Structure formats: structure tokens, C-alpha cells
PDB file of N, CA and C in Angstrom:
ATOM      1  N   MET A   1      16.707 -10.432  29.238  1.00  0.00           N
ATOM      2  CA  MET A   1      14.952 -10.436  29.753  1.00  0.00           C
ATOM      3  C   MET A   1      14.989  -9.024  28.292  1.00  0.00           C
ATOM      4  N   GLU A   2      13.894  -9.744  27.701  1.00  0.00           N
ATOM      5  CA  GLU A   2      13.547  -8.442  26.325  1.00  0.00           C
ATOM      6  C   GLU A   2      12.325  -8.207  26.359  1.00  0.00           C
ATOM      7  N   PHE A   3      12.314  -7.298  25.869  1.00  0.00           N
ATOM      8  CA  PHE A   3      10.973  -6.234  25.665  1.00  0.00           C
ATOM      9  C   PHE A   3      10.860  -5.918  24.713  1.00  0.00           C
ATOM     10  N   SER A   4       9.671  -6.060  24.075  1.00  0.00           N
ATOM     11  CA  SER A   4       9.586  -5.064  23.034  1.00  0.00           C
ATOM     12  C   SER A   4       8.875  -3.717  23.107  1.00  0.00           C
ATOM     13  N   LEU A   5       8.612  -2.589  21.813  1.00  0.00           N
ATOM     14  CA  LEU A   5       9.048  -1.459  21.730  1.00  0.00           C
ATOM     15  C   LEU A   5       7.606  -1.263  22.159  1.00  0.00           C
ATOM     16  N   TRP A   6       6.711  -1.912  22.152  1.00  0.00           N
ATOM     17  CA  TRP A   6       5.476  -1.045  23.049  1.00  0.00           C
ATOM     18  C   TRP A   6       5.071  -1.262  24.162  1.00  0.00           C
ATOM     19  N   GLU A   7       5.924  -2.558  24.973  1.00  0.00           N
ATOM     20  CA  GLU A   7       6.155  -2.852  26.395  1.00  0.00           C
ATOM     21  C   GLU A   7       6.827  -2.037  26.749  1.00  0.00           C
ATOM     22  N   LEU A   8       7.909  -1.612  26.399  1.00  0.00           N
ATOM     23  CA  LEU A   8       8.182  -0.272  27.398  1.00  0.00           C
ATOM     24  C   LEU A   8       7.851   0.760  26.737  1.00  0.00           C
ATOM     25  N   ASN A   9       6.869   1.128  25.770  1.00  0.00           N
ATOM     26  CA  ASN A   9       6.300   2.453  25.686  1.00  0.00           C
ATOM     27  C   ASN A   9       5.087   2.171  26.432  1.00  0.00           C
ATOM     28  N   GLU A  10       4.500   1.238  26.600  1.00  0.00           N
ATOM     29  CA  GLU A  10       3.572   1.227  28.002  1.00  0.00           C
ATOM     30  C   GLU A  10       3.784   1.597  30.032  1.00  0.00           C
ATOM     31  N   THR A  11       5.290   1.241  29.701  1.00  0.00           N
ATOM     32  CA  THR A  11       6.080   0.816  30.956  1.00  0.00           C
ATOM     33  C   THR A  11       5.853   2.638  31.193  1.00  0.00           C
ATOM     34  N   ASN A  12       6.828   3.442  30.240  1.00  0.00           N
ATOM     35  CA  ASN A  12       7.255   4.763  30.663  1.00  0.00           C
ATOM     36  C   ASN A  12       5.744   5.555  30.115  1.00  0.00           C
ATOM     37  N   SER A  13       5.040   4.914  30.036  1.00  0.00           N
ATOM     38  CA  SER A  13       3.407   6.569  30.286  1.00  0.00           C
ATOM     39  C   SER A  13       2.366   5.750  31.049  1.00  0.00           C
ATOM     40  N   SER A  14       3.191   4.822  32.436  1.00  0.00           N
ATOM     41  CA  SER A  14       2.295   4.820  33.465  1.00  0.00           C
ATOM     42  C   SER A  14       1.652   5.514  33.802  1.00  0.00           C
ATOM     43  N   GLU A  15      -0.009   5.462  34.359  1.00  0.00           N
ATOM     44  CA  GLU A  15      -0.791   6.445  34.599  1.00  0.00           C
ATOM     45  C   GLU A  15      -0.570   7.105  36.052  1.00  0.00           C
ATOM     46  N   THR A  16       0.609   6.573  36.821  1.00  0.00           N
ATOM     47  CA  THR A  16       0.827   6.820  37.865  1.00  0.00           C
ATOM     48  C   THR A  16       2.319   8.518  38.155  1.00  0.00           C
ATOM     49  N   SER A  17       2.327   8.376  36.948  1.00  0.00           N
ATOM     50  CA  SER A  17       3.168   9.754  37.191  1.00  0.00           C
ATOM     51  C   SER A  17       2.476  10.718  36.044  1.00  0.00           C
ATOM     52  N   PRO A  18       1.884  11.592  36.591  1.00  0.00           N
ATOM     53  CA  PRO A  18       0.888  12.893  35.948  1.00  0.00           C
ATOM     54  C   PRO A  18       1.465  13.228  35.074  1.00  0.00           C
ATOM     55  N   GLY A  19       0.583  13.477  33.578  1.00  0.00           N
ATOM     56  CA  GLY A  19       1.071  14.279  32.640  1.00  0.00           C
ATOM     57  C   GLY A  19       2.370  13.913  31.898  1.00  0.00           C
ATOM     58  N   HIS A  20       3.002  12.386  32.062  1.00  0.00           N
ATOM     59  CA  HIS A  20       3.908  11.992  31.668  1.00  0.00           C
ATOM     60  C   HIS A  20       3.171  10.553  30.464  1.00  0.00           C
ATOM     61  N   GLY A  21       1.589  10.497  30.408  1.00  0.00           N
ATOM     62  CA  GLY A  21       1.628   9.862  29.496  1.00  0.00           C
ATOM     63  C   GLY A  21       1.154   9.835  27.492  1.00  0.00           C
ATOM     64  N   GLY A  22       1.285   9.344  27.194  1.00  0.00           N
ATOM     65  CA  GLY A  22       0.998   9.692  25.419  1.00  0.00           C
ATOM     66  C   GLY A  22       2.373  10.091  24.791  1.00  0.00           C
ATOM     67  N   SER A  23       2.184  10.294  23.496  1.00  0.00           N
ATOM     68  CA  SER A  23       3.680  10.602  23.190  1.00  0.00           C
ATOM     69  C   SER A  23       3.787  12.094  22.780  1.00  0.00           C
ATOM     70  N   LEU A  24       4.796  12.651  22.344  1.00  0.00           N
ATOM     71  CA  LEU A  24       5.178  14.257  22.593  1.00  0.00           C
ATOM     72  C   LEU A  24       4.337  14.788  21.614  1.00  0.00           C
ATOM     73  N   TYR A  25       4.005  14.043  20.745  1.00  0.00           N
ATOM     74  CA  TYR A  25       2.869  14.794  19.858  1.00  0.00           C
ATOM     75  C   TYR A  25       1.444  15.146  20.319  1.00  0.00           C
ATOM     76  N   SER A  26       0.851  14.169  21.317  1.00  0.00           N
ATOM     77  CA  SER A  26      -0.422  14.459  22.033  1.00  0.00           C
ATOM     78  C   SER A  26      -0.187  15.513  23.388  1.00  0.00           C
ATOM     79  N   ARG A  27       1.099  15.430  23.598  1.00  0.00           N
ATOM     80  CA  ARG A  27       1.108  16.607  25.172  1.00  0.00           C
ATOM     81  C   ARG A  27       1.438  17.414  24.067  1.00  0.00           C
ATOM     82  N   LYS A  28       2.674  17.981  23.478  1.00  0.00           N
ATOM     83  CA  LYS A  28       3.042  19.414  23.701  1.00  0.00           C
ATOM     84  C   LYS A  28       3.256  19.485  21.980  1.00  0.00           C
ATOM     85  N   PRO A  29       2.050  19.935  21.372  1.00  0.00           N
ATOM     86  CA  PRO A  29       2.291  19.903  19.617  1.00  0.00           C
ATOM     87  C   PRO A  29       2.985  20.675  19.639  1.00  0.00           C
ATOM     88  N   VAL A  30       3.053  22.023  20.076  1.00  0.00           N
ATOM     89  CA  VAL A  30       4.768  23.003  19.883  1.00  0.00           C
ATOM     90  C   VAL A  30       5.756  22.428  19.434  1.00  0.00           C
ATOM     91  N   VAL A  31       6.024  21.766  21.073  1.00  0.00           N
ATOM     92  CA  VAL A  31       7.111  21.667  20.947  1.00  0.00           C
ATOM     93  C   VAL A  31       7.540  20.710  19.846  1.00  0.00           C
ATOM     94  N   ALA A  32       6.627  19.285  19.396  1.00  0.00           N
ATOM     95  CA  ALA A  32       6.486  18.594  18.738  1.00  0.00           C
ATOM     96  C   ALA A  32       7.095  18.947  17.293  1.00  0.00           C
ATOM     97  N   ALA A  33       6.032  20.180  17.344  1.00  0.00           N
ATOM     98  CA  ALA A  33       6.057  20.580  15.597  1.00  0.00           C
ATOM     99  C   ALA A  33       7.774  21.715  15.333  1.00  0.00           C
ATOM    100  N   LEU A  34       8.050  21.934  16.628  1.00  0.00           N
ATOM    101  CA  LEU A  34       9.668  22.739  16.773  1.00  0.00           C
ATOM    102  C   LEU A  34      10.411  21.268  16.047  1.00  0.00           C
ATOM    103  N   TYR A  35      10.361  20.554  16.718  1.00  0.00           N
ATOM    104  CA  TYR A  35      11.773  19.107  17.065  1.00  0.00           C
ATOM    105  C   TYR A  35      11.740  18.802  15.341  1.00  0.00           C
ATOM    106  N   VAL A  36      10.326  18.775  14.932  1.00  0.00           N
ATOM    107  CA  VAL A  36      10.192  18.161  13.772  1.00  0.00           C
ATOM    108  C   VAL A  36      10.761  19.255  12.579  1.00  0.00           C
ATOM    109  N   GLY A  37      10.720  19.981  12.835  1.00  0.00           N
ATOM    110  CA  GLY A  37      10.991  21.105  12.092  1.00  0.00           C
ATOM    111  C   GLY A  37      12.634  21.427  12.049  1.00  0.00           C
ATOM    112  N   VAL A  38      12.988  21.995  13.319  1.00  0.00           N
ATOM    113  CA  VAL A  38      14.576  21.728  13.232  1.00  0.00           C
ATOM    114  C   VAL A  38      15.189  20.536  12.890  1.00  0.00           C
ATOM    115  N   LEU A  39      14.756  19.404  13.316  1.00  0.00           N
ATOM    116  CA  LEU A  39      15.586  18.501  13.381  1.00  0.00           C
ATOM    117  C   LEU A  39      15.485  18.037  10.899  1.00  0.00           C
ATOM    118  N   GLY A  40      14.252  18.148  10.500  1.00  0.00           N
ATOM    119  CA  GLY A  40      13.637  17.916   9.270  1.00  0.00           C
ATOM    120  C   GLY A  40      14.588  19.518   8.393  1.00  0.00           C
ATOM    121  N   THR A  41      14.663  20.448   8.750  1.00  0.00           N
ATOM    122  CA  THR A  41      15.514  21.261   8.292  1.00  0.00           C
ATOM    123  C   THR A  41      16.797  21.093   8.415  1.00  0.00           C
ATOM    124  N   ALA A  42      17.422  20.195   9.350  1.00  0.00           N
ATOM    125  CA  ALA A  42      18.829  19.526   9.668  1.00  0.00           C
ATOM    126  C   ALA A  42      18.783  18.983   8.953  1.00  0.00           C
ATOM    127  N   ALA A  43      18.324  17.631   8.555  1.00  0.00           N
ATOM    128  CA  ALA A  43      18.273  16.436   7.756  1.00  0.00           C
ATOM    129  C   ALA A  43      18.311  17.334   6.156  1.00  0.00           C
ATOM    130  N   VAL A  44      17.018  18.020   5.288  1.00  0.00           N
ATOM    131  CA  VAL A  44      17.213  18.192   4.525  1.00  0.00           C
ATOM    132  C   VAL A  44      18.723  19.397   4.287  1.00  0.00           C
ATOM    133  N   VAL A  45      19.422  20.548   4.825  1.00  0.00           N
ATOM    134  CA  VAL A  45      20.412  21.344   4.518  1.00  0.00           C
ATOM    135  C   VAL A  45      21.581  20.968   4.336  1.00  0.00           C
ATOM    136  N   GLY A  46      21.623  19.643   5.743  1.00  0.00           N
ATOM    137  CA  GLY A  46      22.872  18.807   5.749  1.00  0.00           C
ATOM    138  C   GLY A  46      23.151  17.601   4.526  1.00  0.00           C
ATOM    139  N   THR A  47      22.120  16.752   4.241  1.00  0.00           N
ATOM    140  CA  THR A  47      22.009  16.513   3.126  1.00  0.00           C
ATOM    141  C   THR A  47      22.785  16.873   1.782  1.00  0.00           C
ATOM    142  N   LEU A  48      22.069  18.180   1.437  1.00  0.00           N
ATOM    143  CA  LEU A  48      22.510  18.666   0.564  1.00  0.00           C
ATOM    144  C   LEU A  48      23.430  19.322   0.407  1.00  0.00           C
ATOM    145  N   GLY A  49      24.233  19.874   1.847  1.00  0.00           N
ATOM    146  CA  GLY A  49      25.724  20.483   1.156  1.00  0.00           C
ATOM    147  C   GLY A  49      26.541  19.354   1.941  1.00  0.00           C
ATOM    148  N   ASN A  50      26.197  18.217   2.331  1.00  0.00           N
ATOM    149  CA  ASN A  50      27.511  16.936   2.209  1.00  0.00           C
ATOM    150  C   ASN A  50      27.403  16.574   0.603  1.00  0.00           C
ATOM    151  N   LEU A  51      26.591  16.357   0.146  1.00  0.00           N
ATOM    152  CA  LEU A  51      26.628  15.905  -1.076  1.00  0.00           C
ATOM    153  C   LEU A  51      27.421  17.061  -1.504  1.00  0.00           C
ATOM    154  N   VAL A  52      27.217  18.666  -1.921  1.00  0.00           N
ATOM    155  CA  VAL A  52      27.933  19.128  -2.488  1.00  0.00           C
ATOM    156  C   VAL A  52      29.634  18.970  -2.285  1.00  0.00           C
ATOM    157  N   VAL A  53      29.616  19.120  -1.072  1.00  0.00           N
ATOM    158  CA  VAL A  53      31.189  18.518  -0.439  1.00  0.00           C
ATOM    159  C   VAL A  53      32.065  17.610  -1.193  1.00  0.00           C
ATOM    160  N   ILE A  54      30.984  16.236  -0.760  1.00  0.00           N
ATOM    161  CA  ILE A  54      31.782  14.883  -1.542  1.00  0.00           C
ATOM    162  C   ILE A  54      31.741  15.096  -3.113  1.00  0.00           C
ATOM    163  N   THR A  55      31.086  15.688  -3.603  1.00  0.00           N
ATOM    164  CA  THR A  55      31.054  16.169  -5.484  1.00  0.00           C
ATOM    165  C   THR A  55      32.337  16.579  -5.119  1.00  0.00           C
ATOM    166  N   THR A  56      32.519  18.098  -4.842  1.00  0.00           N
ATOM    167  CA  THR A  56      33.645  18.975  -5.053  1.00  0.00           C
ATOM    168  C   THR A  56      34.719  18.132  -4.495  1.00  0.00           C
ATOM    169  N   VAL A  57      35.030  17.983  -3.530  1.00  0.00           N
ATOM    170  CA  VAL A  57      36.190  17.085  -3.061  1.00  0.00           C
ATOM    171  C   VAL A  57      36.618  15.709  -4.243  1.00  0.00           C
ATOM    172  N   THR A  58      35.367  15.510  -4.263  1.00  0.00           N
ATOM    173  CA  THR A  58      35.727  14.697  -5.759  1.00  0.00           C
ATOM    174  C   THR A  58      35.796  14.453  -7.058  1.00  0.00           C
ATOM    175  N   MET A  59      35.804  15.149  -6.866  1.00  0.00           N
ATOM    176  CA  MET A  59      35.725  15.550  -8.697  1.00  0.00           C
ATOM    177  C   MET A  59      37.325  16.278  -9.387  1.00  0.00           C
ATOM    178  N   GLN A  60      38.187  16.947  -8.318  1.00  0.00           N
ATOM    179  CA  GLN A  60      39.508  17.306  -8.024  1.00  0.00           C
ATOM    180  C   GLN A  60      40.131  15.984  -8.456  1.00  0.00           C
ATOM    181  N   GLN A  61      41.468  16.280  -9.597  1.00  0.00           N
ATOM    182  CA  GLN A  61      42.156  15.574 -10.389  1.00  0.00           C
ATOM    183  C   GLN A  61      43.029  15.241  -8.683  1.00  0.00           C
ATOM    184  N   LEU A  62      43.919  16.048  -8.342  1.00  0.00           N
ATOM    185  CA  LEU A  62      44.801  16.121  -7.030  1.00  0.00           C
ATOM    186  C   LEU A  62      44.143  15.338  -6.026  1.00  0.00           C
ATOM    187  N   TYR A  63      44.846  14.101  -5.570  1.00  0.00           N
ATOM    188  CA  TYR A  63      44.387  13.839  -4.173  1.00  0.00           C
ATOM    189  C   TYR A  63      45.845  13.675  -2.980  1.00  0.00           C
ATOM    190  N   ASP A  64      44.768  14.074  -1.896  1.00  0.00           N
ATOM    191  CA  ASP A  64      46.333  14.193  -0.945  1.00  0.00           C
ATOM    192  C   ASP A  64      45.260  13.851   0.242  1.00  0.00           C
ATOM    193  N   VAL A  65      46.214  13.738   1.380  1.00  0.00           N
ATOM    194  CA  VAL A  65      44.968  13.239   2.708  1.00  0.00           C
ATOM    195  C   VAL A  65      44.282  14.311   3.193  1.00  0.00           C
ATOM    196  N   GLY A  66      44.383  15.353   2.960  1.00  0.00           N
ATOM    197  CA  GLY A  66      43.254  16.689   3.606  1.00  0.00           C
ATOM    198  C   GLY A  66      42.101  16.339   2.811  1.00  0.00           C
ATOM    199  N   ARG A  67      42.498  15.803   1.487  1.00  0.00           N
ATOM    200  CA  ARG A  67      40.932  15.848   0.712  1.00  0.00           C
ATOM    201  C   ARG A  67      40.271  15.115   1.139  1.00  0.00           C
ATOM    202  N   ALA A  68      40.998  13.890   1.499  1.00  0.00           N
ATOM    203  CA  ALA A  68      40.628  12.226   1.716  1.00  0.00           C
ATOM    204  C   ALA A  68      39.778  12.600   2.694  1.00  0.00           C
ATOM    205  N   PHE A  69      40.608  13.875   3.764  1.00  0.00           N
ATOM    206  CA  PHE A  69      39.973  13.384   5.532  1.00  0.00           C
ATOM    207  C   PHE A  69      38.513  13.892   5.401  1.00  0.00           C
ATOM    208  N   ILE A  70      38.625  15.477   4.305  1.00  0.00           N
ATOM    209  CA  ILE A  70      37.291  16.183   4.336  1.00  0.00           C
ATOM    210  C   ILE A  70      36.135  15.553   3.174  1.00  0.00           C
ATOM    211  N   ALA A  71      36.230  13.887   2.280  1.00  0.00           N
ATOM    212  CA  ALA A  71      35.512  13.542   2.160  1.00  0.00           C
ATOM    213  C   ALA A  71      35.007  12.723   2.698  1.00  0.00           C
ATOM    214  N   ASN A  72      35.722  11.738   3.672  1.00  0.00           N
ATOM    215  CA  ASN A  72      35.325  11.287   4.900  1.00  0.00           C
ATOM    216  C   ASN A  72      34.474  11.546   5.793  1.00  0.00           C
ATOM    217  N   LEU A  73      34.930  12.598   6.344  1.00  0.00           N
ATOM    218  CA  LEU A  73      34.394  13.537   7.191  1.00  0.00           C
ATOM    219  C   LEU A  73      32.845  13.670   6.395  1.00  0.00           C
ATOM    220  N   ALA A  74      32.678  13.869   5.327  1.00  0.00           N
ATOM    221  CA  ALA A  74      31.251  14.459   4.846  1.00  0.00           C
ATOM    222  C   ALA A  74      30.813  13.388   4.693  1.00  0.00           C
ATOM    223  N   SER A  75      31.473  12.345   4.619  1.00  0.00           N
ATOM    224  CA  SER A  75      30.697  10.989   4.322  1.00  0.00           C
ATOM    225  C   SER A  75      30.138  10.483   5.222  1.00  0.00           C
ATOM    226  N   SER A  76      30.745  11.087   6.127  1.00  0.00           N
ATOM    227  CA  SER A  76      30.127  10.475   7.491  1.00  0.00           C
ATOM    228  C   SER A  76      28.998  11.232   8.092  1.00  0.00           C
ATOM    229  N   ASP A  77      28.711  12.211   8.158  1.00  0.00           N
ATOM    230  CA  ASP A  77      28.062  13.468   8.435  1.00  0.00           C
ATOM    231  C   ASP A  77      26.664  13.374   7.254  1.00  0.00           C
ATOM    232  N   LEU A  78      26.886  12.792   6.153  1.00  0.00           N
ATOM    233  CA  LEU A  78      26.080  12.227   5.252  1.00  0.00           C
ATOM    234  C   LEU A  78      25.449  11.108   5.918  1.00  0.00           C
ATOM    235  N   VAL A  79      25.644  10.417   6.333  1.00  0.00           N
ATOM    236  CA  VAL A  79      24.816   9.079   7.389  1.00  0.00           C
ATOM    237  C   VAL A  79      23.945   9.629   8.089  1.00  0.00           C
ATOM    238  N   VAL A  80      25.090  10.532   9.205  1.00  0.00           N
ATOM    239  CA  VAL A  80      23.861  11.401  10.095  1.00  0.00           C
ATOM    240  C   VAL A  80      22.505  12.266   9.503  1.00  0.00           C
ATOM    241  N   THR A  81      23.241  12.704   8.684  1.00  0.00           N
ATOM    242  CA  THR A  81      21.710  14.088   8.196  1.00  0.00           C
ATOM    243  C   THR A  81      20.852  12.914   7.474  1.00  0.00           C
ATOM    244  N   ALA A  82      21.029  12.114   6.579  1.00  0.00           N
ATOM    245  CA  ALA A  82      20.043  11.278   5.478  1.00  0.00           C
ATOM    246  C   ALA A  82      19.647  10.013   6.428  1.00  0.00           C
ATOM    247  N   LEU A  83      19.929   9.763   7.213  1.00  0.00           N
ATOM    248  CA  LEU A  83      19.165   8.572   7.930  1.00  0.00           C
ATOM    249  C   LEU A  83      19.068   8.596   9.457  1.00  0.00           C
ATOM    250  N   ILE A  84      19.878   9.189  10.293  1.00  0.00           N
ATOM    251  CA  ILE A  84      19.703   9.386  11.563  1.00  0.00           C
ATOM    252  C   ILE A  84      18.705  10.488  12.220  1.00  0.00           C
ATOM    253  N   ASN A  85      19.375  11.473  11.332  1.00  0.00           N
ATOM    254  CA  ASN A  85      17.860  12.645  11.926  1.00  0.00           C
ATOM    255  C   ASN A  85      16.426  12.343  11.416  1.00  0.00           C
ATOM    256  N   PRO A  86      16.101  11.542  10.123  1.00  0.00           N
ATOM    257  CA  PRO A  86      14.965  11.132  10.003  1.00  0.00           C
ATOM    258  C   PRO A  86      14.147  10.081  10.477  1.00  0.00           C
ATOM    259  N   LEU A  87      15.617   9.443  10.937  1.00  0.00           N
ATOM    260  CA  LEU A  87      14.760   8.157  11.503  1.00  0.00           C
ATOM    261  C   LEU A  87      14.548   8.845  13.193  1.00  0.00           C
ATOM    262  N   ALA A  88      15.136   9.564  13.712  1.00  0.00           N
ATOM    263  CA  ALA A  88      15.046  10.434  15.417  1.00  0.00           C
ATOM    264  C   ALA A  88      13.758  11.072  14.900  1.00  0.00           C
ATOM    265  N   ILE A  89      13.466  11.640  13.985  1.00  0.00           N
ATOM    266  CA  ILE A  89      11.892  11.710  14.472  1.00  0.00           C
ATOM    267  C   ILE A  89      10.832  11.213  13.916  1.00  0.00           C
ATOM    268  N   ALA A  90      11.271   9.844  13.169  1.00  0.00           N
ATOM    269  CA  ALA A  90      10.170   8.655  13.843  1.00  0.00           C
ATOM    270  C   ALA A  90      10.617   8.005  14.564  1.00  0.00           C
ATOM    271  N   GLY A  91      10.967   7.835  14.998  1.00  0.00           N
ATOM    272  CA  GLY A  91      11.595   7.180  16.754  1.00  0.00           C
ATOM    273  C   GLY A  91      10.910   8.017  17.565  1.00  0.00           C
ATOM    274  N   LYS A  92      10.652   9.163  17.562  1.00  0.00           N
ATOM    275  CA  LYS A  92      10.163   9.906  18.934  1.00  0.00           C
ATOM    276  C   LYS A  92       8.628  10.023  18.494  1.00  0.00           C
ATOM    277  N   ARG A  93       8.027   9.737  17.691  1.00  0.00           N
ATOM    278  CA  ARG A  93       6.705   9.630  17.832  1.00  0.00           C
ATOM    279  C   ARG A  93       6.406   8.320  18.423  1.00  0.00           C
ATOM    280  N   ILE A  94       7.061   7.012  18.206  1.00  0.00           N
ATOM    281  CA  ILE A  94       6.881   5.773  18.361  1.00  0.00           C
ATOM    282  C   ILE A  94       7.163   5.540  20.192  1.00  0.00           C
ATOM    283  N   LEU A  95       8.207   5.991  20.586  1.00  0.00           N
ATOM    284  CA  LEU A  95       8.451   5.734  21.992  1.00  0.00           C
ATOM    285  C   LEU A  95       8.209   6.383  22.891  1.00  0.00           C
ATOM    286  N   THR A  96       7.489   8.058  22.506  1.00  0.00           N
ATOM    287  CA  THR A  96       7.093   8.843  23.621  1.00  0.00           C
ATOM    288  C   THR A  96       6.021   8.831  23.699  1.00  0.00           C
TER     289      THR A  96
END
């Protein structure tokens, strides 16, 4: 059984449960602004910090397991901060 995002949104925002309809932005604008602010700041700072770590680790001539681990960890964290956090902000607008 498949549902589209819009059907799920209509199901979640039924009028039988008071105060649960509409998006987070229309129901609680202060909470939404804090959510976007914190997640947006984390995305920018995390992306820049991980880029610095990756650049620093890869510019050094010596190669060992510890540096490879740090580079892999920073690159996976870069995916989260550069891709997942902005998509979470956008998804909150659509799904709630």
C-alpha cells in the first residue's frame, strides 16, 4: 500500500485532533524559527569545520590509519551537515 506525501500530511493534520493541524511554521512560529536557526547554524559551522579537517588531514604527507580514520569520519559528518541538515529543514516544512 503506497501513500503520497500529501496524503500522509492530510492524515496527520486531521481536524479530529485539535491543535495538530497545519505546519510547524503556522502552529508555532517561534519554535520553527529556533529549529531553523539551530539546524541552519549547525549545518554551516559543521560543513566549514569538516572541510577544514579534511583539508588539513589530506595535505600532510604522512599516511597512517589514524589520519585515514579522521578523514573518513569528517567526510561522513560532512554529508550529514551539508546534505541531511538542510533537507531536514525543508522536510519539516512539507511533512508537518
